[in-house]
PDB file of N, CA and C in Angstrom:
ATOM      1  N   UNK A   1       7.812  61.421  64.537  1.00  0.00           N
ATOM      2  CA  UNK A   1       9.238  61.538  64.725  1.00  0.00           C
ATOM      3  C   UNK A   1       9.887  60.168  64.543  1.00  0.00           C
ATOM      4  N   UNK A   2      10.978  60.154  63.858  1.00  0.00           N
ATOM      5  CA  UNK A   2      11.719  58.932  63.614  1.00  0.00           C
ATOM      6  C   UNK A   2      12.374  58.434  64.909  1.00  0.00           C
ATOM      7  N   UNK A   3      12.518  57.149  65.033  1.00  0.00           N
ATOM      8  CA  UNK A   3      13.222  56.573  66.168  1.00  0.00           C
ATOM      9  C   UNK A   3      14.720  56.702  65.911  1.00  0.00           C
ATOM     10  N   UNK A   4      15.427  57.275  66.868  1.00  0.00           N
ATOM     11  CA  UNK A   4      16.870  57.436  66.771  1.00  0.00           C
ATOM     12  C   UNK A   4      17.529  56.445  67.724  1.00  0.00           C
ATOM     13  N   UNK A   5      18.505  55.701  67.227  1.00  0.00           N
ATOM     14  CA  UNK A   5      19.183  54.697  68.044  1.00  0.00           C
ATOM     15  C   UNK A   5      20.675  55.028  68.078  1.00  0.00           C
ATOM     16  N   UNK A   6      21.228  55.116  69.296  1.00  0.00           N
ATOM     17  CA  UNK A   6      22.643  55.407  69.477  1.00  0.00           C
ATOM     18  C   UNK A   6      23.302  54.245  70.196  1.00  0.00           C
ATOM     19  N   UNK A   7      24.603  54.072  69.932  1.00  0.00           N
ATOM     20  CA  UNK A   7      25.351  52.965  70.538  1.00  0.00           C
ATOM     21  C   UNK A   7      24.646  51.636  70.259  1.00  0.00           C
ATOM     22  N   UNK A   8      24.353  51.425  69.001  1.00  0.00           N
ATOM     23  CA  UNK A   8      23.611  50.236  68.582  1.00  0.00           C
ATOM     24  C   UNK A   8      24.529  49.021  68.538  1.00  0.00           C
ATOM     25  N   UNK A   9      24.107  47.989  69.217  1.00  0.00           N
ATOM     26  CA  UNK A   9      24.819  46.713  69.242  1.00  0.00           C
ATOM     27  C   UNK A   9      24.010  45.700  68.438  1.00  0.00           C
ATOM     28  N   UNK A  10      24.495  44.485  68.377  1.00  0.00           N
ATOM     29  CA  UNK A  10      23.796  43.442  67.637  1.00  0.00           C
ATOM     30  C   UNK A  10      22.406  43.196  68.201  1.00  0.00           C
ATOM     31  N   UNK A  11      22.307  43.147  69.542  1.00  0.00           N
ATOM     32  CA  UNK A  11      21.044  42.766  70.169  1.00  0.00           C
ATOM     33  C   UNK A  11      20.251  43.926  70.732  1.00  0.00           C
ATOM     34  N   UNK A  12      20.869  45.093  70.904  1.00  0.00           N
ATOM     35  CA  UNK A  12      20.138  46.213  71.507  1.00  0.00           C
ATOM     36  C   UNK A  12      20.850  47.526  71.211  1.00  0.00           C
ATOM     37  N   UNK A  13      20.154  48.620  71.470  1.00  0.00           N
ATOM     38  CA  UNK A  13      20.741  49.955  71.410  1.00  0.00           C
ATOM     39  C   UNK A  13      20.828  50.473  72.834  1.00  0.00           C
ATOM     40  N   UNK A  14      21.954  51.092  73.194  1.00  0.00           N
ATOM     41  CA  UNK A  14      22.098  51.609  74.548  1.00  0.00           C
ATOM     42  C   UNK A  14      21.248  52.857  74.781  1.00  0.00           C
ATOM     43  N   UNK A  15      21.024  53.626  73.709  1.00  0.00           N
ATOM     44  CA  UNK A  15      20.210  54.846  73.804  1.00  0.00           C
ATOM     45  C   UNK A  15      19.186  54.817  72.680  1.00  0.00           C
ATOM     46  N   UNK A  16      17.925  54.992  73.020  1.00  0.00           N
ATOM     47  CA  UNK A  16      16.863  55.109  72.019  1.00  0.00           C
ATOM     48  C   UNK A  16      16.117  56.407  72.300  1.00  0.00           C
ATOM     49  N   UNK A  17      15.911  57.202  71.255  1.00  0.00           N
ATOM     50  CA  UNK A  17      15.205  58.467  71.379  1.00  0.00           C
ATOM     51  C   UNK A  17      13.994  58.423  70.459  1.00  0.00           C
ATOM     52  N   UNK A  18      12.837  58.711  71.021  1.00  0.00           N
ATOM     53  CA  UNK A  18      11.609  58.713  70.233  1.00  0.00           C
ATOM     54  C   UNK A  18      10.610  59.688  70.850  1.00  0.00           C
ATOM     55  N   UNK A  19      10.070  60.546  70.016  1.00  0.00           N
ATOM     56  CA  UNK A  19       8.980  61.428  70.413  1.00  0.00           C
ATOM     57  C   UNK A  19       9.304  62.228  71.684  1.00  0.00           C
ATOM     58  N   UNK A  20      10.551  62.732  71.769  1.00  0.00           N
ATOM     59  CA  UNK A  20      10.946  63.570  72.891  1.00  0.00           C
ATOM     60  C   UNK A  20      11.321  62.825  74.159  1.00  0.00           C
ATOM     61  N   UNK A  21      11.426  61.498  74.067  1.00  0.00           N
ATOM     62  CA  UNK A  21      11.760  60.691  75.234  1.00  0.00           C
ATOM     63  C   UNK A  21      13.029  59.895  74.953  1.00  0.00           C
ATOM     64  N   UNK A  22      13.891  59.811  75.965  1.00  0.00           N
ATOM     65  CA  UNK A  22      15.149  59.072  75.875  1.00  0.00           C
ATOM     66  C   UNK A  22      15.032  57.830  76.753  1.00  0.00           C
ATOM     67  N   UNK A  23      15.385  56.694  76.185  1.00  0.00           N
ATOM     68  CA  UNK A  23      15.376  55.425  76.915  1.00  0.00           C
ATOM     69  C   UNK A  23      16.809  54.914  76.954  1.00  0.00           C
ATOM     70  N   UNK A  24      17.323  54.659  78.164  1.00  0.00           N
ATOM     71  CA  UNK A  24      18.666  54.099  78.296  1.00  0.00           C
ATOM     72  C   UNK A  24      18.570  52.636  78.675  1.00  0.00           C
ATOM     73  N   UNK A  25      19.340  51.803  77.981  1.00  0.00           N
ATOM     74  CA  UNK A  25      19.425  50.391  78.341  1.00  0.00           C
ATOM     75  C   UNK A  25      20.034  50.279  79.735  1.00  0.00           C
ATOM     76  N   UNK A  26      19.943  49.116  80.321  1.00  0.00           N
ATOM     77  CA  UNK A  26      20.494  48.911  81.654  1.00  0.00           C
ATOM     78  C   UNK A  26      21.956  49.317  81.724  1.00  0.00           C
ATOM     79  N   UNK A  27      22.285  50.155  82.702  1.00  0.00           N
ATOM     80  CA  UNK A  27      23.646  50.641  82.875  1.00  0.00           C
ATOM     81  C   UNK A  27      24.232  50.099  84.158  1.00  0.00           C
ATOM     82  N   UNK A  28      25.515  49.781  84.106  1.00  0.00           N
ATOM     83  CA  UNK A  28      26.203  49.282  85.278  1.00  0.00           C
ATOM     84  C   UNK A  28      27.672  49.661  85.190  1.00  0.00           C
ATOM     85  N   UNK A  29      28.382  49.449  86.284  1.00  0.00           N
ATOM     86  CA  UNK A  29      29.814  49.693  86.346  1.00  0.00           C
ATOM     87  C   UNK A  29      30.514  48.527  85.669  1.00  0.00           C
ATOM     88  N   UNK A  30      31.028  48.760  84.478  1.00  0.00           N
ATOM     89  CA  UNK A  30      31.651  47.689  83.695  1.00  0.00           C
ATOM     90  C   UNK A  30      32.926  47.157  84.337  1.00  0.00           C
ATOM     91  N   UNK A  31      33.534  47.949  85.248  1.00  0.00           N
ATOM     92  CA  UNK A  31      34.764  47.500  85.911  1.00  0.00           C
ATOM     93  C   UNK A  31      34.474  46.606  87.110  1.00  0.00           C
ATOM     94  N   UNK A  32      33.215  46.551  87.528  1.00  0.00           N
ATOM     95  CA  UNK A  32      32.823  45.790  88.721  1.00  0.00           C
ATOM     96  C   UNK A  32      33.635  46.234  89.931  1.00  0.00           C
ATOM     97  N   UNK A  33      33.648  47.538  90.162  1.00  0.00           N
ATOM     98  CA  UNK A  33      34.377  48.113  91.294  1.00  0.00           C
ATOM     99  C   UNK A  33      33.925  47.480  92.598  1.00  0.00           C
ATOM    100  N   UNK A  34      34.797  47.570  93.590  1.00  0.00           N
ATOM    101  CA  UNK A  34      34.477  47.010  94.906  1.00  0.00           C
ATOM    102  C   UNK A  34      33.414  47.846  95.592  1.00  0.00           C
ATOM    103  N   UNK A  35      32.406  47.193  96.103  1.00  0.00           N
ATOM    104  CA  UNK A  35      31.370  47.838  96.888  1.00  0.00           C
ATOM    105  C   UNK A  35      30.264  48.467  96.069  1.00  0.00           C
ATOM    106  N   UNK A  36      29.065  48.381  96.610  1.00  0.00           N
ATOM    107  CA  UNK A  36      27.898  48.905  95.904  1.00  0.00           C
ATOM    108  C   UNK A  36      27.949  50.432  95.796  1.00  0.00           C
ATOM    109  N   UNK A  37      28.539  51.107  96.772  1.00  0.00           N
ATOM    110  CA  UNK A  37      28.647  52.563  96.691  1.00  0.00           C
ATOM    111  C   UNK A  37      29.440  53.001  95.481  1.00  0.00           C
ATOM    112  N   UNK A  38      30.619  52.398  95.270  1.00  0.00           N
ATOM    113  CA  UNK A  38      31.445  52.753  94.116  1.00  0.00           C
ATOM    114  C   UNK A  38      30.788  52.306  92.823  1.00  0.00           C
ATOM    115  N   UNK A  39      30.174  51.128  92.805  1.00  0.00           N
ATOM    116  CA  UNK A  39      29.480  50.706  91.589  1.00  0.00           C
ATOM    117  C   UNK A  39      28.334  51.660  91.259  1.00  0.00           C
ATOM    118  N   UNK A  40      27.651  52.162  92.259  1.00  0.00           N
ATOM    119  CA  UNK A  40      26.566  53.112  92.026  1.00  0.00           C
ATOM    120  C   UNK A  40      27.123  54.414  91.461  1.00  0.00           C
ATOM    121  N   UNK A  41      28.219  54.923  92.013  1.00  0.00           N
ATOM    122  CA  UNK A  41      28.839  56.151  91.487  1.00  0.00           C
ATOM    123  C   UNK A  41      29.243  55.981  90.035  1.00  0.00           C
ATOM    124  N   UNK A  42      29.877  54.847  89.714  1.00  0.00           N
ATOM    125  CA  UNK A  42      30.311  54.592  88.332  1.00  0.00           C
ATOM    126  C   UNK A  42      29.111  54.462  87.382  1.00  0.00           C
ATOM    127  N   UNK A  43      28.072  53.809  87.837  1.00  0.00           N
ATOM    128  CA  UNK A  43      26.865  53.649  87.022  1.00  0.00           C
ATOM    129  C   UNK A  43      26.220  55.002  86.755  1.00  0.00           C
ATOM    130  N   UNK A  44      26.121  55.843  87.772  1.00  0.00           N
ATOM    131  CA  UNK A  44      25.520  57.168  87.609  1.00  0.00           C
ATOM    132  C   UNK A  44      26.377  58.056  86.711  1.00  0.00           C
ATOM    133  N   UNK A  45      27.692  57.912  86.768  1.00  0.00           N
ATOM    134  CA  UNK A  45      28.569  58.662  85.861  1.00  0.00           C
ATOM    135  C   UNK A  45      28.310  58.248  84.410  1.00  0.00           C
ATOM    136  N   UNK A  46      28.124  56.947  84.182  1.00  0.00           N
ATOM    137  CA  UNK A  46      27.808  56.468  82.830  1.00  0.00           C
ATOM    138  C   UNK A  46      26.461  57.018  82.368  1.00  0.00           C
ATOM    139  N   UNK A  47      25.495  57.059  83.269  1.00  0.00           N
ATOM    140  CA  UNK A  47      24.176  57.603  82.930  1.00  0.00           C
ATOM    141  C   UNK A  47      24.279  59.085  82.594  1.00  0.00           C
ATOM    142  N   UNK A  48      25.040  59.851  83.381  1.00  0.00           N
ATOM    143  CA  UNK A  48      25.255  61.273  83.067  1.00  0.00           C
ATOM    144  C   UNK A  48      25.803  61.444  81.653  1.00  0.00           C
ATOM    145  N   UNK A  49      26.813  60.652  81.311  1.00  0.00           N
ATOM    146  CA  UNK A  49      27.437  60.754  79.984  1.00  0.00           C
ATOM    147  C   UNK A  49      26.461  60.390  78.873  1.00  0.00           C
ATOM    148  N   UNK A  50      25.680  59.345  79.078  1.00  0.00           N
ATOM    149  CA  UNK A  50      24.735  58.926  78.049  1.00  0.00           C
ATOM    150  C   UNK A  50      23.607  59.934  77.882  1.00  0.00           C
ATOM    151  N   UNK A  51      23.137  60.496  78.977  1.00  0.00           N
ATOM    152  CA  UNK A  51      22.099  61.523  78.871  1.00  0.00           C
ATOM    153  C   UNK A  51      22.626  62.730  78.109  1.00  0.00           C
ATOM    154  N   UNK A  52      23.864  63.138  78.379  1.00  0.00           N
ATOM    155  CA  UNK A  52      24.461  64.256  77.647  1.00  0.00           C
ATOM    156  C   UNK A  52      24.575  63.935  76.157  1.00  0.00           C
ATOM    157  N   UNK A  53      24.980  62.718  75.846  1.00  0.00           N
ATOM    158  CA  UNK A  53      25.074  62.289  74.444  1.00  0.00           C
ATOM    159  C   UNK A  53      23.717  62.355  73.753  1.00  0.00           C
ATOM    160  N   UNK A  54      22.667  62.065  74.501  1.00  0.00           N
ATOM    161  CA  UNK A  54      21.311  62.098  73.941  1.00  0.00           C
ATOM    162  C   UNK A  54      20.724  63.508  73.908  1.00  0.00           C
ATOM    163  N   UNK A  55      21.384  64.471  74.561  1.00  0.00           N
ATOM    164  CA  UNK A  55      20.907  65.853  74.534  1.00  0.00           C
ATOM    165  C   UNK A  55      20.043  66.244  75.714  1.00  0.00           C
ATOM    166  N   UNK A  56      20.199  65.570  76.843  1.00  0.00           N
ATOM    167  CA  UNK A  56      19.416  65.897  78.031  1.00  0.00           C
ATOM    168  C   UNK A  56      20.304  65.736  79.263  1.00  0.00           C
ATOM    169  N   UNK A  57      19.719  65.777  80.448  1.00  0.00           N
ATOM    170  CA  UNK A  57      20.508  65.615  81.676  1.00  0.00           C
ATOM    171  C   UNK A  57      19.649  65.009  82.786  1.00  0.00           C
ATOM    172  N   UNK A  58      20.278  64.769  83.931  1.00  0.00           N
ATOM    173  CA  UNK A  58      19.600  64.065  85.015  1.00  0.00           C
ATOM    174  C   UNK A  58      18.418  64.826  85.599  1.00  0.00           C
ATOM    175  N   UNK A  59      18.341  66.131  85.406  1.00  0.00           N
ATOM    176  CA  UNK A  59      17.193  66.892  85.912  1.00  0.00           C
ATOM    177  C   UNK A  59      15.916  66.580  85.132  1.00  0.00           C
ATOM    178  N   UNK A  60      16.063  65.894  83.994  1.00  0.00           N
ATOM    179  CA  UNK A  60      14.908  65.586  83.143  1.00  0.00           C
ATOM    180  C   UNK A  60      14.555  64.090  83.168  1.00  0.00           C
ATOM    181  N   UNK A  61      15.150  63.356  84.094  1.00  0.00           N
ATOM    182  CA  UNK A  61      14.813  61.932  84.219  1.00  0.00           C
ATOM    183  C   UNK A  61      13.379  61.808  84.721  1.00  0.00           C
ATOM    184  N   UNK A  62      12.622  60.962  84.051  1.00  0.00           N
ATOM    185  CA  UNK A  62      11.234  60.704  84.425  1.00  0.00           C
ATOM    186  C   UNK A  62      11.117  59.493  85.343  1.00  0.00           C
ATOM    187  N   UNK A  63      11.867  58.437  85.015  1.00  0.00           N
ATOM    188  CA  UNK A  63      11.722  57.186  85.740  1.00  0.00           C
ATOM    189  C   UNK A  63      13.035  56.415  85.719  1.00  0.00           C
ATOM    190  N   UNK A  64      13.341  55.760  86.834  1.00  0.00           N
ATOM    191  CA  UNK A  64      14.526  54.900  86.938  1.00  0.00           C
ATOM    192  C   UNK A  64      14.110  53.599  87.612  1.00  0.00           C
ATOM    193  N   UNK A  65      14.600  52.500  87.076  1.00  0.00           N
ATOM    194  CA  UNK A  65      14.466  51.222  87.764  1.00  0.00           C
ATOM    195  C   UNK A  65      15.862  50.802  88.187  1.00  0.00           C
ATOM    196  N   UNK A  66      16.022  50.541  89.483  1.00  0.00           N
ATOM    197  CA  UNK A  66      17.310  50.149  90.050  1.00  0.00           C
ATOM    198  C   UNK A  66      17.211  48.687  90.470  1.00  0.00           C
ATOM    199  N   UNK A  67      18.142  47.893  89.960  1.00  0.00           N
ATOM    200  CA  UNK A  67      18.205  46.475  90.281  1.00  0.00           C
ATOM    201  C   UNK A  67      19.397  46.261  91.215  1.00  0.00           C
ATOM    202  N   UNK A  68      19.156  45.711  92.381  1.00  0.00           N
ATOM    203  CA  UNK A  68      20.210  45.423  93.344  1.00  0.00           C
ATOM    204  C   UNK A  68      20.364  43.920  93.523  1.00  0.00           C
ATOM    205  N   UNK A  69      21.599  43.487  93.640  1.00  0.00           N
ATOM    206  CA  UNK A  69      21.861  42.060  93.871  1.00  0.00           C
ATOM    207  C   UNK A  69      21.334  41.640  95.232  1.00  0.00           C
ATOM    208  N   UNK A  70      21.544  42.486  96.255  1.00  0.00           N
ATOM    209  CA  UNK A  70      21.135  42.142  97.615  1.00  0.00           C
ATOM    210  C   UNK A  70      20.509  43.375  98.261  1.00  0.00           C
ATOM    211  N   UNK A  71      19.199  43.429  98.253  1.00  0.00           N
ATOM    212  CA  UNK A  71      18.476  44.600  98.761  1.00  0.00           C
ATOM    213  C   UNK A  71      18.847  44.893 100.215  1.00  0.00           C
ATOM    214  N   UNK A  72      18.861  43.878 101.030  1.00  0.00           N
ATOM    215  CA  UNK A  72      19.112  44.081 102.457  1.00  0.00           C
ATOM    216  C   UNK A  72      20.524  44.618 102.709  1.00  0.00           C
ATOM    217  N   UNK A  73      21.506  44.080 102.010  1.00  0.00           N
ATOM    218  CA  UNK A  73      22.895  44.477 102.241  1.00  0.00           C
ATOM    219  C   UNK A  73      23.267  45.772 101.529  1.00  0.00           C
ATOM    220  N   UNK A  74      22.657  46.062 100.385  1.00  0.00           N
ATOM    221  CA  UNK A  74      23.151  47.130  99.514  1.00  0.00           C
ATOM    222  C   UNK A  74      22.274  48.370  99.397  1.00  0.00           C
ATOM    223  N   UNK A  75      21.026  48.297  99.838  1.00  0.00           N
ATOM    224  CA  UNK A  75      20.096  49.410  99.617  1.00  0.00           C
ATOM    225  C   UNK A  75      20.582  50.709 100.250  1.00  0.00           C
ATOM    226  N   UNK A  76      20.996  50.693 101.495  1.00  0.00           N
ATOM    227  CA  UNK A  76      21.379  51.919 102.192  1.00  0.00           C
ATOM    228  C   UNK A  76      22.572  52.595 101.518  1.00  0.00           C
ATOM    229  N   UNK A  77      23.595  51.824 101.151  1.00  0.00           N
ATOM    230  CA  UNK A  77      24.775  52.404 100.503  1.00  0.00           C
ATOM    231  C   UNK A  77      24.441  52.962  99.123  1.00  0.00           C
ATOM    232  N   UNK A  78      23.642  52.218  98.354  1.00  0.00           N
ATOM    233  CA  UNK A  78      23.227  52.718  97.038  1.00  0.00           C
ATOM    234  C   UNK A  78      22.426  53.996  97.204  1.00  0.00           C
ATOM    235  N   UNK A  79      21.508  54.005  98.162  1.00  0.00           N
ATOM    236  CA  UNK A  79      20.623  55.151  98.354  1.00  0.00           C
ATOM    237  C   UNK A  79      21.394  56.398  98.773  1.00  0.00           C
ATOM    238  N   UNK A  80      22.453  56.246  99.573  1.00  0.00           N
ATOM    239  CA  UNK A  80      23.266  57.398  99.982  1.00  0.00           C
ATOM    240  C   UNK A  80      23.918  58.054  98.769  1.00  0.00           C
ATOM    241  N   UNK A  81      24.444  57.247  97.852  1.00  0.00           N
ATOM    242  CA  UNK A  81      25.047  57.784  96.628  1.00  0.00           C
ATOM    243  C   UNK A  81      23.969  58.411  95.750  1.00  0.00           C
ATOM    244  N   UNK A  82      22.838  57.731  95.615  1.00  0.00           N
ATOM    245  CA  UNK A  82      21.717  58.247  94.817  1.00  0.00           C
ATOM    246  C   UNK A  82      21.264  59.606  95.333  1.00  0.00           C
ATOM    247  N   UNK A  83      21.067  59.726  96.655  1.00  0.00           N
ATOM    248  CA  UNK A  83      20.582  60.980  97.242  1.00  0.00           C
ATOM    249  C   UNK A  83      21.531  62.143  96.977  1.00  0.00           C
ATOM    250  N   UNK A  84      22.830  61.878  96.945  1.00  0.00           N
ATOM    251  CA  UNK A  84      23.806  62.934  96.657  1.00  0.00           C
ATOM    252  C   UNK A  84      23.821  63.303  95.175  1.00  0.00           C
ATOM    253  N   UNK A  85      23.408  62.382  94.307  1.00  0.00           N
ATOM    254  CA  UNK A  85      23.463  62.591  92.855  1.00  0.00           C
ATOM    255  C   UNK A  85      22.201  63.233  92.299  1.00  0.00           C
ATOM    256  N   UNK A  86      21.051  62.824  92.768  1.00  0.00           N
ATOM    257  CA  UNK A  86      19.790  63.274  92.177  1.00  0.00           C
ATOM    258  C   UNK A  86      19.561  64.759  92.506  1.00  0.00           C
ATOM    259  N   UNK A  87      19.142  65.567  91.518  1.00  0.00           N
ATOM    260  CA  UNK A  87      18.916  66.990  91.779  1.00  0.00           C
ATOM    261  C   UNK A  87      17.762  67.217  92.753  1.00  0.00           C
ATOM    262  N   UNK A  88      17.968  68.102  93.691  1.00  0.00           N
ATOM    263  CA  UNK A  88      16.901  68.437  94.645  1.00  0.00           C
ATOM    264  C   UNK A  88      15.707  68.997  93.881  1.00  0.00           C
ATOM    265  N   UNK A  89      14.531  68.518  94.198  1.00  0.00           N
ATOM    266  CA  UNK A  89      13.313  68.979  93.538  1.00  0.00           C
ATOM    267  C   UNK A  89      13.058  68.334  92.190  1.00  0.00           C
ATOM    268  N   UNK A  90      13.952  67.455  91.739  1.00  0.00           N
ATOM    269  CA  UNK A  90      13.781  66.822  90.425  1.00  0.00           C
ATOM    270  C   UNK A  90      13.903  65.307  90.527  1.00  0.00           C
ATOM    271  N   UNK A  91      13.597  64.750  91.694  1.00  0.00           N
ATOM    272  CA  UNK A  91      13.692  63.299  91.852  1.00  0.00           C
ATOM    273  C   UNK A  91      12.685  62.606  90.938  1.00  0.00           C
ATOM    274  N   UNK A  92      13.142  61.612  90.176  1.00  0.00           N
ATOM    275  CA  UNK A  92      12.240  60.905  89.267  1.00  0.00           C
ATOM    276  C   UNK A  92      11.410  59.852  89.997  1.00  0.00           C
ATOM    277  N   UNK A  93      10.416  59.335  89.313  1.00  0.00           N
ATOM    278  CA  UNK A  93       9.744  58.132  89.796  1.00  0.00           C
ATOM    279  C   UNK A  93      10.809  57.041  89.837  1.00  0.00           C
ATOM    280  N   UNK A  94      10.757  56.205  90.862  1.00  0.00           N
ATOM    281  CA  UNK A  94      11.836  55.226  91.011  1.00  0.00           C
ATOM    282  C   UNK A  94      11.302  53.926  91.585  1.00  0.00           C
ATOM    283  N   UNK A  95      11.765  52.838  91.008  1.00  0.00           N
ATOM    284  CA  UNK A  95      11.498  51.517  91.565  1.00  0.00           C
ATOM    285  C   UNK A  95      12.840  50.871  91.858  1.00  0.00           C
ATOM    286  N   UNK A  96      12.928  50.201  92.987  1.00  0.00           N
ATOM    287  CA  UNK A  96      14.153  49.514  93.367  1.00  0.00           C
ATOM    288  C   UNK A  96      13.777  48.066  93.682  1.00  0.00           C
ATOM    289  N   UNK A  97      14.379  47.140  92.958  1.00  0.00           N
ATOM    290  CA  UNK A  97      14.030  45.733  93.113  1.00  0.00           C
ATOM    291  C   UNK A  97      15.277  44.886  93.276  1.00  0.00           C
ATOM    292  N   UNK A  98      15.145  43.792  93.976  1.00  0.00           N
ATOM    293  CA  UNK A  98      16.242  42.839  94.089  1.00  0.00           C
ATOM    294  C   UNK A  98      16.186  41.921  92.876  1.00  0.00           C
ATOM    295  N   UNK A  99      17.349  41.668  92.289  1.00  0.00           N
ATOM    296  CA  UNK A  99      17.378  40.864  91.071  1.00  0.00           C
ATOM    297  C   UNK A  99      18.652  40.037  91.017  1.00  0.00           C
ATOM    298  N   UNK A 100      18.575  38.925  90.348  1.00  0.00           N
ATOM    299  CA  UNK A 100      19.773  38.138  90.081  1.00  0.00           C
ATOM    300  C   UNK A 100      20.423  38.754  88.848  1.00  0.00           C
ATOM    301  N   UNK A 101      21.548  39.406  89.046  1.00  0.00           N
ATOM    302  CA  UNK A 101      22.235  40.081  87.951  1.00  0.00           C
ATOM    303  C   UNK A 101      23.157  39.093  87.239  1.00  0.00           C
ATOM    304  N   UNK A 102      23.668  39.488  86.090  1.00  0.00           N
ATOM    305  CA  UNK A 102      24.318  38.520  85.212  1.00  0.00           C
ATOM    306  C   UNK A 102      25.664  38.005  85.705  1.00  0.00           C
ATOM    307  N   UNK A 103      26.280  38.699  86.675  1.00  0.00           N
ATOM    308  CA  UNK A 103      27.571  38.269  87.198  1.00  0.00           C
ATOM    309  C   UNK A 103      27.576  38.456  88.712  1.00  0.00           C
ATOM    310  N   UNK A 104      28.256  37.595  89.441  1.00  0.00           N
ATOM    311  CA  UNK A 104      28.327  37.759  90.908  1.00  0.00           C
ATOM    312  C   UNK A 104      28.981  39.072  91.330  1.00  0.00           C
ATOM    313  N   UNK A 105      29.802  39.660  90.460  1.00  0.00           N
ATOM    314  CA  UNK A 105      30.494  40.908  90.773  1.00  0.00           C
ATOM    315  C   UNK A 105      29.633  42.145  90.552  1.00  0.00           C
ATOM    316  N   UNK A 106      28.519  42.014  89.846  1.00  0.00           N
ATOM    317  CA  UNK A 106      27.634  43.150  89.570  1.00  0.00           C
ATOM    318  C   UNK A 106      26.656  43.285  90.723  1.00  0.00           C
ATOM    319  N   UNK A 107      26.660  44.454  91.366  1.00  0.00           N
ATOM    320  CA  UNK A 107      25.806  44.688  92.526  1.00  0.00           C
ATOM    321  C   UNK A 107      24.621  45.590  92.228  1.00  0.00           C
ATOM    322  N   UNK A 108      24.717  46.411  91.158  1.00  0.00           N
ATOM    323  CA  UNK A 108      23.646  47.362  90.840  1.00  0.00           C
ATOM    324  C   UNK A 108      23.591  47.584  89.327  1.00  0.00           C
ATOM    325  N   UNK A 109      22.376  47.719  88.820  1.00  0.00           N
ATOM    326  CA  UNK A 109      22.134  48.052  87.408  1.00  0.00           C
ATOM    327  C   UNK A 109      20.935  48.981  87.365  1.00  0.00           C
ATOM    328  N   UNK A 110      20.930  49.924  86.409  1.00  0.00           N
ATOM    329  CA  UNK A 110      19.831  50.894  86.325  1.00  0.00           C
ATOM    330  C   UNK A 110      19.362  51.079  84.896  1.00  0.00           C
ATOM    331  N   UNK A 111      18.041  51.191  84.715  1.00  0.00           N
ATOM    332  CA  UNK A 111      17.461  51.595  83.441  1.00  0.00           C
ATOM    333  C   UNK A 111      16.814  52.967  83.657  1.00  0.00           C
ATOM    334  N   UNK A 112      16.840  53.795  82.615  1.00  0.00           N
ATOM    335  CA  UNK A 112      16.434  55.196  82.751  1.00  0.00           C
ATOM    336  C   UNK A 112      15.527  55.600  81.599  1.00  0.00           C
ATOM    337  N   UNK A 113      14.504  56.395  81.933  1.00  0.00           N
ATOM    338  CA  UNK A 113      13.669  57.068  80.931  1.00  0.00           C
ATOM    339  C   UNK A 113      13.735  58.556  81.256  1.00  0.00           C
ATOM    340  N   UNK A 114      14.064  59.382  80.261  1.00  0.00           N
ATOM    341  CA  UNK A 114      14.206  60.824  80.471  1.00  0.00           C
ATOM    342  C   UNK A 114      13.555  61.598  79.328  1.00  0.00           C
ATOM    343  N   UNK A 115      13.225  62.850  79.608  1.00  0.00           N
ATOM    344  CA  UNK A 115      12.655  63.721  78.585  1.00  0.00           C
ATOM    345  C   UNK A 115      13.746  64.564  77.960  1.00  0.00           C
ATOM    346  N   UNK A 116      13.559  64.897  76.698  1.00  0.00           N
ATOM    347  CA  UNK A 116      14.437  65.875  76.043  1.00  0.00           C
ATOM    348  C   UNK A 116      13.966  67.278  76.421  1.00  0.00           C
ATOM    349  N   UNK A 117      14.876  68.243  76.392  1.00  0.00           N
ATOM    350  CA  UNK A 117      14.456  69.636  76.680  1.00  0.00           C
ATOM    351  C   UNK A 117      13.471  70.151  75.645  1.00  0.00           C
TER     352      UNK A 117
END
């Protein structure tokens, strides 16, 4: 199967599809909304849209890596939004790590791997 690249930029593609698997580049709230809860909601909305564009949905997510600016301060709020968003019985493998993100205003970023139907 050919590699399909969507939303291709100079340095990366936001969506890559290969052999029935969808890979999403790191997603974040581009508006840098106030609070990790709102940034998480905005990030998950972007992920929903990108998965739909690729022909799949959040019930088919295999793995997510979540990067938080401050694990101690932000984990509980991010997790509350995540728990409301993720489909019951379809929770993906997930890693959550503290990371220095590219801007002080960015509190959460996520990378996603999902299967096509």
